[in-house]
Amino acid sequence: MRGLPRQLDRAAGSSRGRFVGSLPAMAWTWRYEDTAGTAVEPSEAPAGEPFPTQSDAETWLGENWRELLSAGVEQVTLLDSGREVYGPMSLRPAD
C-alpha cells in the first residue's frame, strides 16, 4: 500500500489487522492495578483512554504516572485490544 507508514502497511496485509477507514482498529490502553495486581479504578485517577499507538500510550503514561500514583494506582499493564503486551510495571521510582 502506498502512502501508509510501514507498520500500517504490514497490518493491512495481515489477516489480523482490521481497518476502520484507512487505520487499523487497535486500542492501546493501560490497566490500573494495586500492588496485588487487582484492577482498580480510582475516581481521582486520569480517565483511561484508548490510544492509536503503543508509543502514544507510553508517552501519556510518562506524562501522567505521578498523578496516577497519587490517586492510588500502584502499577499498570499495557493492553493492545485487550491482550496483555507487558506489565505489570510499578509506578514507584526505583530506590
PDB file of N, CA and C in Angstrom:
ATOM      1  N   MET A   1       0.845  -1.175   0.000  1.00  0.00           N
ATOM      2  CA  MET A   1       0.000   0.000   0.000  1.00  0.00           C
ATOM      3  C   MET A   1       0.887   1.233   0.000  1.00  0.00           C
ATOM      4  N   ARG A   2       0.612   2.140  -0.857  1.00  0.00           N
ATOM      5  CA  ARG A   2       1.407   3.360  -0.924  1.00  0.00           C
ATOM      6  C   ARG A   2       0.842   4.406   0.013  1.00  0.00           C
ATOM      7  N   GLY A   3       1.747   5.188   0.610  1.00  0.00           N
ATOM      8  CA  GLY A   3       1.330   6.307   1.419  1.00  0.00           C
ATOM      9  C   GLY A   3       1.079   6.001   2.885  1.00  0.00           C
ATOM     10  N   LEU A   4       1.078   4.739   3.274  1.00  0.00           N
ATOM     11  CA  LEU A   4       0.885   4.389   4.678  1.00  0.00           C
ATOM     12  C   LEU A   4       2.231   4.116   5.327  1.00  0.00           C
ATOM     13  N   PRO A   5       2.378   4.474   6.596  1.00  0.00           N
ATOM     14  CA  PRO A   5       3.606   4.101   7.293  1.00  0.00           C
ATOM     15  C   PRO A   5       3.801   2.594   7.224  1.00  0.00           C
ATOM     16  N   ARG A   6       5.053   2.169   7.317  1.00  0.00           N
ATOM     17  CA  ARG A   6       5.400   0.759   7.167  1.00  0.00           C
ATOM     18  C   ARG A   6       4.580  -0.146   8.088  1.00  0.00           C
ATOM     19  N   GLN A   7       4.394   0.224   9.380  1.00  0.00           N
ATOM     20  CA  GLN A   7       3.670  -0.654  10.290  1.00  0.00           C
ATOM     21  C   GLN A   7       2.208  -0.803   9.888  1.00  0.00           C
ATOM     22  N   LEU A   8       1.603   0.252   9.310  1.00  0.00           N
ATOM     23  CA  LEU A   8       0.229   0.134   8.839  1.00  0.00           C
ATOM     24  C   LEU A   8       0.168  -0.700   7.573  1.00  0.00           C
ATOM     25  N   ASP A   9       1.167  -0.575   6.729  1.00  0.00           N
ATOM     26  CA  ASP A   9       1.243  -1.350   5.513  1.00  0.00           C
ATOM     27  C   ASP A   9       1.289  -2.839   5.846  1.00  0.00           C
ATOM     28  N   ARG A  10       2.106  -3.202   6.839  1.00  0.00           N
ATOM     29  CA  ARG A  10       2.192  -4.603   7.260  1.00  0.00           C
ATOM     30  C   ARG A  10       0.856  -5.067   7.821  1.00  0.00           C
ATOM     31  N   ALA A  11       0.202  -4.230   8.638  1.00  0.00           N
ATOM     32  CA  ALA A  11      -1.076  -4.621   9.227  1.00  0.00           C
ATOM     33  C   ALA A  11      -2.129  -4.827   8.149  1.00  0.00           C
ATOM     34  N   ALA A  12      -2.076  -4.028   7.099  1.00  0.00           N
ATOM     35  CA  ALA A  12      -3.057  -4.137   6.024  1.00  0.00           C
ATOM     36  C   ALA A  12      -2.939  -5.483   5.318  1.00  0.00           C
ATOM     37  N   GLY A  13      -1.730  -6.013   5.229  1.00  0.00           N
ATOM     38  CA  GLY A  13      -1.526  -7.273   4.542  1.00  0.00           C
ATOM     39  C   GLY A  13      -1.763  -8.481   5.417  1.00  0.00           C
ATOM     40  N   SER A  14      -1.908  -8.295   6.710  1.00  0.00           N
ATOM     41  CA  SER A  14      -2.092  -9.442   7.590  1.00  0.00           C
ATOM     42  C   SER A  14      -3.576  -9.733   7.754  1.00  0.00           C
ATOM     43  N   SER A  15      -3.889 -10.960   8.091  1.00  0.00           N
ATOM     44  CA  SER A  15      -5.279 -11.308   8.334  1.00  0.00           C
ATOM     45  C   SER A  15      -5.722 -10.811   9.703  1.00  0.00           C
ATOM     46  N   ARG A  16      -4.771 -10.411  10.545  1.00  0.00           N
ATOM     47  CA  ARG A  16      -5.075  -9.942  11.885  1.00  0.00           C
ATOM     48  C   ARG A  16      -5.532  -8.490  11.901  1.00  0.00           C
ATOM     49  N   GLY A  17      -5.013  -7.670  11.006  1.00  0.00           N
ATOM     50  CA  GLY A  17      -5.348  -6.247  11.014  1.00  0.00           C
ATOM     51  C   GLY A  17      -6.740  -6.005  10.452  1.00  0.00           C
ATOM     52  N   ARG A  18      -7.581  -5.292  11.197  1.00  0.00           N
ATOM     53  CA  ARG A  18      -8.906  -4.918  10.715  1.00  0.00           C
ATOM     54  C   ARG A  18      -8.903  -3.416  10.562  1.00  0.00           C
ATOM     55  N   PHE A  19      -9.410  -2.925   9.465  1.00  0.00           N
ATOM     56  CA  PHE A  19      -9.338  -1.499   9.197  1.00  0.00           C
ATOM     57  C   PHE A  19     -10.676  -0.808   9.391  1.00  0.00           C
ATOM     58  N   VAL A  20     -10.596   0.382   9.935  1.00  0.00           N
ATOM     59  CA  VAL A  20     -11.722   1.305  10.002  1.00  0.00           C
ATOM     60  C   VAL A  20     -11.252   2.506   9.212  1.00  0.00           C
ATOM     61  N   GLY A  21     -11.845   2.743   8.078  1.00  0.00           N
ATOM     62  CA  GLY A  21     -11.330   3.784   7.198  1.00  0.00           C
ATOM     63  C   GLY A  21      -9.965   3.343   6.704  1.00  0.00           C
ATOM     64  N   SER A  22      -8.930   4.155   6.960  1.00  0.00           N
ATOM     65  CA  SER A  22      -7.597   3.786   6.494  1.00  0.00           C
ATOM     66  C   SER A  22      -6.673   3.405   7.649  1.00  0.00           C
ATOM     67  N   LEU A  23      -7.207   3.264   8.865  1.00  0.00           N
ATOM     68  CA  LEU A  23      -6.374   2.916  10.006  1.00  0.00           C
ATOM     69  C   LEU A  23      -6.804   1.585  10.594  1.00  0.00           C
ATOM     70  N   PRO A  24      -5.854   0.791  11.127  1.00  0.00           N
ATOM     71  CA  PRO A  24      -6.229  -0.475  11.747  1.00  0.00           C
ATOM     72  C   PRO A  24      -6.993  -0.211  13.041  1.00  0.00           C
ATOM     73  N   ALA A  25      -7.948  -1.092  13.356  1.00  0.00           N
ATOM     74  CA  ALA A  25      -8.719  -0.948  14.590  1.00  0.00           C
ATOM     75  C   ALA A  25      -7.885  -1.515  15.740  1.00  0.00           C
ATOM     76  N   MET A  26      -7.256  -0.642  16.499  1.00  0.00           N
ATOM     77  CA  MET A  26      -6.456  -1.030  17.651  1.00  0.00           C
ATOM     78  C   MET A  26      -6.799  -0.096  18.786  1.00  0.00           C
ATOM     79  N   ALA A  27      -6.675  -0.591  19.968  1.00  0.00           N
ATOM     80  CA  ALA A  27      -6.882   0.257  21.133  1.00  0.00           C
ATOM     81  C   ALA A  27      -5.818  -0.093  22.170  1.00  0.00           C
ATOM     82  N   TRP A  28      -4.830   0.756  22.291  1.00  0.00           N
ATOM     83  CA  TRP A  28      -3.798   0.594  23.306  1.00  0.00           C
ATOM     84  C   TRP A  28      -4.304   1.272  24.566  1.00  0.00           C
ATOM     85  N   THR A  29      -4.377   0.518  25.650  1.00  0.00           N
ATOM     86  CA  THR A  29      -4.894   1.054  26.907  1.00  0.00           C
ATOM     87  C   THR A  29      -4.026   0.585  28.069  1.00  0.00           C
ATOM     88  N   TRP A  30      -4.152   1.297  29.180  1.00  0.00           N
ATOM     89  CA  TRP A  30      -3.472   0.919  30.425  1.00  0.00           C
ATOM     90  C   TRP A  30      -4.499   0.361  31.393  1.00  0.00           C
ATOM     91  N   ARG A  31      -4.175  -0.766  32.016  1.00  0.00           N
ATOM     92  CA  ARG A  31      -4.997  -1.278  33.110  1.00  0.00           C
ATOM     93  C   ARG A  31      -4.334  -0.817  34.400  1.00  0.00           C
ATOM     94  N   TYR A  32      -5.079  -0.114  35.234  1.00  0.00           N
ATOM     95  CA  TYR A  32      -4.573   0.361  36.517  1.00  0.00           C
ATOM     96  C   TYR A  32      -4.718  -0.764  37.536  1.00  0.00           C
ATOM     97  N   GLU A  33      -3.676  -0.960  38.369  1.00  0.00           N
ATOM     98  CA  GLU A  33      -3.690  -2.070  39.318  1.00  0.00           C
ATOM     99  C   GLU A  33      -3.170  -1.634  40.681  1.00  0.00           C
ATOM    100  N   ASP A  34      -3.557  -2.405  41.714  1.00  0.00           N
ATOM    101  CA  ASP A  34      -2.959  -2.218  43.030  1.00  0.00           C
ATOM    102  C   ASP A  34      -1.721  -3.117  43.115  1.00  0.00           C
ATOM    103  N   THR A  35      -1.061  -3.173  44.269  1.00  0.00           N
ATOM    104  CA  THR A  35       0.185  -3.957  44.383  1.00  0.00           C
ATOM    105  C   THR A  35      -0.039  -5.458  44.204  1.00  0.00           C
ATOM    106  N   ALA A  36      -1.262  -5.927  44.436  1.00  0.00           N
ATOM    107  CA  ALA A  36      -1.567  -7.348  44.267  1.00  0.00           C
ATOM    108  C   ALA A  36      -1.903  -7.697  42.817  1.00  0.00           C
ATOM    109  N   GLY A  37      -1.997  -6.695  41.957  1.00  0.00           N
ATOM    110  CA  GLY A  37      -2.321  -6.942  40.560  1.00  0.00           C
ATOM    111  C   GLY A  37      -3.806  -6.908  40.258  1.00  0.00           C
ATOM    112  N   THR A  38      -4.602  -6.495  41.240  1.00  0.00           N
ATOM    113  CA  THR A  38      -6.046  -6.374  41.041  1.00  0.00           C
ATOM    114  C   THR A  38      -6.347  -5.059  40.333  1.00  0.00           C
ATOM    115  N   ALA A  39      -7.188  -5.123  39.320  1.00  0.00           N
ATOM    116  CA  ALA A  39      -7.553  -3.907  38.590  1.00  0.00           C
ATOM    117  C   ALA A  39      -8.283  -2.938  39.522  1.00  0.00           C
ATOM    118  N   VAL A  40      -7.907  -1.671  39.443  1.00  0.00           N
ATOM    119  CA  VAL A  40      -8.545  -0.623  40.250  1.00  0.00           C
ATOM    120  C   VAL A  40      -8.945   0.525  39.337  1.00  0.00           C
ATOM    121  N   GLU A  41      -9.935   1.291  39.768  1.00  0.00           N
ATOM    122  CA  GLU A  41     -10.398   2.461  39.023  1.00  0.00           C
ATOM    123  C   GLU A  41     -10.643   3.612  39.993  1.00  0.00           C
ATOM    124  N   PRO A  42      -9.565   4.188  40.553  1.00  0.00           N
ATOM    125  CA  PRO A  42      -9.750   5.297  41.491  1.00  0.00           C
ATOM    126  C   PRO A  42     -10.422   6.480  40.805  1.00  0.00           C
ATOM    127  N   SER A  43     -11.355   7.097  41.500  1.00  0.00           N
ATOM    128  CA  SER A  43     -12.090   8.219  40.906  1.00  0.00           C
ATOM    129  C   SER A  43     -11.188   9.417  40.632  1.00  0.00           C
ATOM    130  N   GLU A  44     -10.074   9.550  41.383  1.00  0.00           N
ATOM    131  CA  GLU A  44      -9.171  10.680  41.200  1.00  0.00           C
ATOM    132  C   GLU A  44      -8.165  10.462  40.064  1.00  0.00           C
ATOM    133  N   ALA A  45      -8.073   9.245  39.554  1.00  0.00           N
ATOM    134  CA  ALA A  45      -7.094   8.930  38.505  1.00  0.00           C
ATOM    135  C   ALA A  45      -7.554   9.500  37.167  1.00  0.00           C
ATOM    136  N   PRO A  46      -6.596   9.902  36.324  1.00  0.00           N
ATOM    137  CA  PRO A  46      -6.968  10.339  34.970  1.00  0.00           C
ATOM    138  C   PRO A  46      -7.726   9.217  34.257  1.00  0.00           C
ATOM    139  N   ALA A  47      -8.712   9.590  33.494  1.00  0.00           N
ATOM    140  CA  ALA A  47      -9.504   8.597  32.766  1.00  0.00           C
ATOM    141  C   ALA A  47      -8.621   7.791  31.825  1.00  0.00           C
ATOM    142  N   GLY A  48      -8.791   6.493  31.856  1.00  0.00           N
ATOM    143  CA  GLY A  48      -8.069   5.642  30.919  1.00  0.00           C
ATOM    144  C   GLY A  48      -8.705   5.781  29.555  1.00  0.00           C
ATOM    145  N   GLU A  49      -7.924   6.174  28.589  1.00  0.00           N
ATOM    146  CA  GLU A  49      -8.445   6.375  27.242  1.00  0.00           C
ATOM    147  C   GLU A  49      -7.704   5.470  26.273  1.00  0.00           C
ATOM    148  N   PRO A  50      -8.337   5.078  25.181  1.00  0.00           N
ATOM    149  CA  PRO A  50      -7.625   4.286  24.169  1.00  0.00           C
ATOM    150  C   PRO A  50      -6.686   5.181  23.354  1.00  0.00           C
ATOM    151  N   PHE A  51      -5.548   4.631  22.994  1.00  0.00           N
ATOM    152  CA  PHE A  51      -4.559   5.341  22.192  1.00  0.00           C
ATOM    153  C   PHE A  51      -4.377   4.605  20.871  1.00  0.00           C
ATOM    154  N   PRO A  52      -4.085   5.328  19.790  1.00  0.00           N
ATOM    155  CA  PRO A  52      -3.942   4.674  18.489  1.00  0.00           C
ATOM    156  C   PRO A  52      -2.644   3.883  18.343  1.00  0.00           C
ATOM    157  N   THR A  53      -1.616   4.217  19.149  1.00  0.00           N
ATOM    158  CA  THR A  53      -0.338   3.511  19.033  1.00  0.00           C
ATOM    159  C   THR A  53       0.233   3.219  20.413  1.00  0.00           C
ATOM    160  N   GLN A  54       1.125   2.259  20.465  1.00  0.00           N
ATOM    161  CA  GLN A  54       1.830   1.947  21.701  1.00  0.00           C
ATOM    162  C   GLN A  54       2.638   3.147  22.162  1.00  0.00           C
ATOM    163  N   SER A  55       3.271   3.811  21.241  1.00  0.00           N
ATOM    164  CA  SER A  55       4.073   4.988  21.565  1.00  0.00           C
ATOM    165  C   SER A  55       3.229   6.084  22.211  1.00  0.00           C
ATOM    166  N   ASP A  56       2.033   6.318  21.691  1.00  0.00           N
ATOM    167  CA  ASP A  56       1.143   7.326  22.281  1.00  0.00           C
ATOM    168  C   ASP A  56       0.768   6.942  23.712  1.00  0.00           C
ATOM    169  N   ALA A  57       0.479   5.668  23.927  1.00  0.00           N
ATOM    170  CA  ALA A  57       0.121   5.198  25.270  1.00  0.00           C
ATOM    171  C   ALA A  57       1.292   5.376  26.234  1.00  0.00           C
ATOM    172  N   GLU A  58       2.493   5.035  25.797  1.00  0.00           N
ATOM    173  CA  GLU A  58       3.669   5.151  26.655  1.00  0.00           C
ATOM    174  C   GLU A  58       4.019   6.613  26.933  1.00  0.00           C
ATOM    175  N   THR A  59       3.857   7.465  25.962  1.00  0.00           N
ATOM    176  CA  THR A  59       4.101   8.900  26.176  1.00  0.00           C
ATOM    177  C   THR A  59       3.122   9.448  27.203  1.00  0.00           C
ATOM    178  N   TRP A  60       1.858   9.082  27.072  1.00  0.00           N
ATOM    179  CA  TRP A  60       0.846   9.542  28.023  1.00  0.00           C
ATOM    180  C   TRP A  60       1.198   9.092  29.439  1.00  0.00           C
ATOM    181  N   LEU A  61       1.617   7.828  29.589  1.00  0.00           N
ATOM    182  CA  LEU A  61       1.981   7.325  30.911  1.00  0.00           C
ATOM    183  C   LEU A  61       3.161   8.105  31.478  1.00  0.00           C
ATOM    184  N   GLY A  62       4.145   8.409  30.642  1.00  0.00           N
ATOM    185  CA  GLY A  62       5.299   9.184  31.085  1.00  0.00           C
ATOM    186  C   GLY A  62       4.917  10.563  31.593  1.00  0.00           C
ATOM    187  N   GLU A  63       3.835  11.104  31.080  1.00  0.00           N
ATOM    188  CA  GLU A  63       3.371  12.434  31.496  1.00  0.00           C
ATOM    189  C   GLU A  63       2.411  12.381  32.680  1.00  0.00           C
ATOM    190  N   ASN A  64       1.826  11.213  32.971  1.00  0.00           N
ATOM    191  CA  ASN A  64       0.758  11.129  33.967  1.00  0.00           C
ATOM    192  C   ASN A  64       1.005  10.151  35.109  1.00  0.00           C
ATOM    193  N   TRP A  65       2.170   9.495  35.169  1.00  0.00           N
ATOM    194  CA  TRP A  65       2.378   8.466  36.184  1.00  0.00           C
ATOM    195  C   TRP A  65       2.317   9.011  37.607  1.00  0.00           C
ATOM    196  N   ARG A  66       2.787  10.216  37.822  1.00  0.00           N
ATOM    197  CA  ARG A  66       2.759  10.784  39.183  1.00  0.00           C
ATOM    198  C   ARG A  66       1.314  10.982  39.662  1.00  0.00           C
ATOM    199  N   GLU A  67       0.475  11.478  38.776  1.00  0.00           N
ATOM    200  CA  GLU A  67      -0.930  11.680  39.115  1.00  0.00           C
ATOM    201  C   GLU A  67      -1.619  10.340  39.390  1.00  0.00           C
ATOM    202  N   LEU A  68      -1.296   9.332  38.600  1.00  0.00           N
ATOM    203  CA  LEU A  68      -1.855   8.004  38.823  1.00  0.00           C
ATOM    204  C   LEU A  68      -1.432   7.466  40.191  1.00  0.00           C
ATOM    205  N   LEU A  69      -0.146   7.595  40.499  1.00  0.00           N
ATOM    206  CA  LEU A  69       0.378   7.107  41.769  1.00  0.00           C
ATOM    207  C   LEU A  69      -0.298   7.818  42.943  1.00  0.00           C
ATOM    208  N   SER A  70      -0.438   9.111  42.854  1.00  0.00           N
ATOM    209  CA  SER A  70      -1.066   9.849  43.950  1.00  0.00           C
ATOM    210  C   SER A  70      -2.557   9.524  44.082  1.00  0.00           C
ATOM    211  N   ALA A  71      -3.173   9.006  43.016  1.00  0.00           N
ATOM    212  CA  ALA A  71      -4.583   8.613  43.062  1.00  0.00           C
ATOM    213  C   ALA A  71      -4.776   7.190  43.578  1.00  0.00           C
ATOM    214  N   GLY A  72      -3.664   6.472  43.832  1.00  0.00           N
ATOM    215  CA  GLY A  72      -3.772   5.124  44.373  1.00  0.00           C
ATOM    216  C   GLY A  72      -3.457   4.001  43.413  1.00  0.00           C
ATOM    217  N   VAL A  73      -3.032   4.316  42.202  1.00  0.00           N
ATOM    218  CA  VAL A  73      -2.616   3.283  41.246  1.00  0.00           C
ATOM    219  C   VAL A  73      -1.160   2.947  41.542  1.00  0.00           C
ATOM    220  N   GLU A  74      -0.868   1.693  41.800  1.00  0.00           N
ATOM    221  CA  GLU A  74       0.495   1.269  42.142  1.00  0.00           C
ATOM    222  C   GLU A  74       1.275   0.747  40.943  1.00  0.00           C
ATOM    223  N   GLN A  75       0.566   0.143  39.994  1.00  0.00           N
ATOM    224  CA  GLN A  75       1.230  -0.429  38.824  1.00  0.00           C
ATOM    225  C   GLN A  75       0.249  -0.439  37.659  1.00  0.00           C
ATOM    226  N   VAL A  76       0.800  -0.615  36.465  1.00  0.00           N
ATOM    227  CA  VAL A  76      -0.021  -0.632  35.250  1.00  0.00           C
ATOM    228  C   VAL A  76       0.404  -1.775  34.345  1.00  0.00           C
ATOM    229  N   THR A  77      -0.519  -2.204  33.511  1.00  0.00           N
ATOM    230  CA  THR A  77      -0.248  -3.202  32.480  1.00  0.00           C
ATOM    231  C   THR A  77      -0.739  -2.634  31.159  1.00  0.00           C
ATOM    232  N   LEU A  78       0.086  -2.732  30.120  1.00  0.00           N
ATOM    233  CA  LEU A  78      -0.283  -2.239  28.801  1.00  0.00           C
ATOM    234  C   LEU A  78      -1.051  -3.316  28.044  1.00  0.00           C
ATOM    235  N   LEU A  79      -2.188  -2.909  27.476  1.00  0.00           N
ATOM    236  CA  LEU A  79      -3.046  -3.814  26.704  1.00  0.00           C
ATOM    237  C   LEU A  79      -3.176  -3.326  25.270  1.00  0.00           C
ATOM    238  N   ASP A  80      -3.190  -4.251  24.346  1.00  0.00           N
ATOM    239  CA  ASP A  80      -3.459  -3.955  22.938  1.00  0.00           C
ATOM    240  C   ASP A  80      -4.742  -4.680  22.575  1.00  0.00           C
ATOM    241  N   SER A  81      -5.833  -3.931  22.462  1.00  0.00           N
ATOM    242  CA  SER A  81      -7.146  -4.511  22.174  1.00  0.00           C
ATOM    243  C   SER A  81      -7.492  -5.625  23.164  1.00  0.00           C
ATOM    244  N   GLY A  82      -7.166  -5.396  24.433  1.00  0.00           N
ATOM    245  CA  GLY A  82      -7.477  -6.356  25.489  1.00  0.00           C
ATOM    246  C   GLY A  82      -6.405  -7.396  25.754  1.00  0.00           C
ATOM    247  N   ARG A  83      -5.414  -7.524  24.880  1.00  0.00           N
ATOM    248  CA  ARG A  83      -4.336  -8.509  25.043  1.00  0.00           C
ATOM    249  C   ARG A  83      -3.185  -7.872  25.814  1.00  0.00           C
ATOM    250  N   GLU A  84      -2.710  -8.555  26.871  1.00  0.00           N
ATOM    251  CA  GLU A  84      -1.589  -8.033  27.641  1.00  0.00           C
ATOM    252  C   GLU A  84      -0.329  -7.995  26.790  1.00  0.00           C
ATOM    253  N   VAL A  85       0.302  -6.824  26.735  1.00  0.00           N
ATOM    254  CA  VAL A  85       1.540  -6.658  25.981  1.00  0.00           C
ATOM    255  C   VAL A  85       2.721  -6.733  26.938  1.00  0.00           C
ATOM    256  N   TYR A  86       2.672  -5.953  28.019  1.00  0.00           N
ATOM    257  CA  TYR A  86       3.668  -6.069  29.082  1.00  0.00           C
ATOM    258  C   TYR A  86       3.125  -5.501  30.372  1.00  0.00           C
ATOM    259  N   GLY A  87       3.767  -5.880  31.437  1.00  0.00           N
ATOM    260  CA  GLY A  87       3.377  -5.450  32.767  1.00  0.00           C
ATOM    261  C   GLY A  87       3.204  -6.665  33.640  1.00  0.00           C
ATOM    262  N   PRO A  88       2.943  -6.456  34.880  1.00  0.00           N
ATOM    263  CA  PRO A  88       2.737  -5.156  35.489  1.00  0.00           C
ATOM    264  C   PRO A  88       4.044  -4.381  35.637  1.00  0.00           C
ATOM    265  N   MET A  89       3.905  -3.068  35.600  1.00  0.00           N
ATOM    266  CA  MET A  89       5.033  -2.164  35.738  1.00  0.00           C
ATOM    267  C   MET A  89       4.710  -1.212  36.892  1.00  0.00           C
ATOM    268  N   SER A  90       5.571  -1.217  37.900  1.00  0.00           N
ATOM    269  CA  SER A  90       5.363  -0.359  39.069  1.00  0.00           C
ATOM    270  C   SER A  90       5.487   1.113  38.686  1.00  0.00           C
ATOM    271  N   LEU A  91       4.695   1.943  39.339  1.00  0.00           N
ATOM    272  CA  LEU A  91       4.796   3.391  39.148  1.00  0.00           C
ATOM    273  C   LEU A  91       5.710   4.017  40.189  1.00  0.00           C
ATOM    274  N   ARG A  92       6.167   3.229  41.145  1.00  0.00           N
ATOM    275  CA  ARG A  92       7.071   3.728  42.185  1.00  0.00           C
ATOM    276  C   ARG A  92       8.472   3.884  41.620  1.00  0.00           C
ATOM    277  N   PRO A  93       9.149   4.977  41.933  1.00  0.00           N
ATOM    278  CA  PRO A  93      10.532   5.155  41.480  1.00  0.00           C
ATOM    279  C   PRO A  93      11.429   4.063  42.079  1.00  0.00           C
ATOM    280  N   ALA A  94      12.420   3.649  41.313  1.00  0.00           N
ATOM    281  CA  ALA A  94      13.386   2.670  41.813  1.00  0.00           C
ATOM    282  C   ALA A  94      14.209   3.300  42.934  1.00  0.00           C
ATOM    283  N   ASP A  95      14.570   2.481  43.900  1.00  0.00           N
ATOM    284  CA  ASP A  95      15.372   3.004  45.032  1.00  0.00           C
ATOM    285  C   ASP A  95      16.739   3.448  44.607  1.00  0.00           C
TER     286      ASP A  95
END
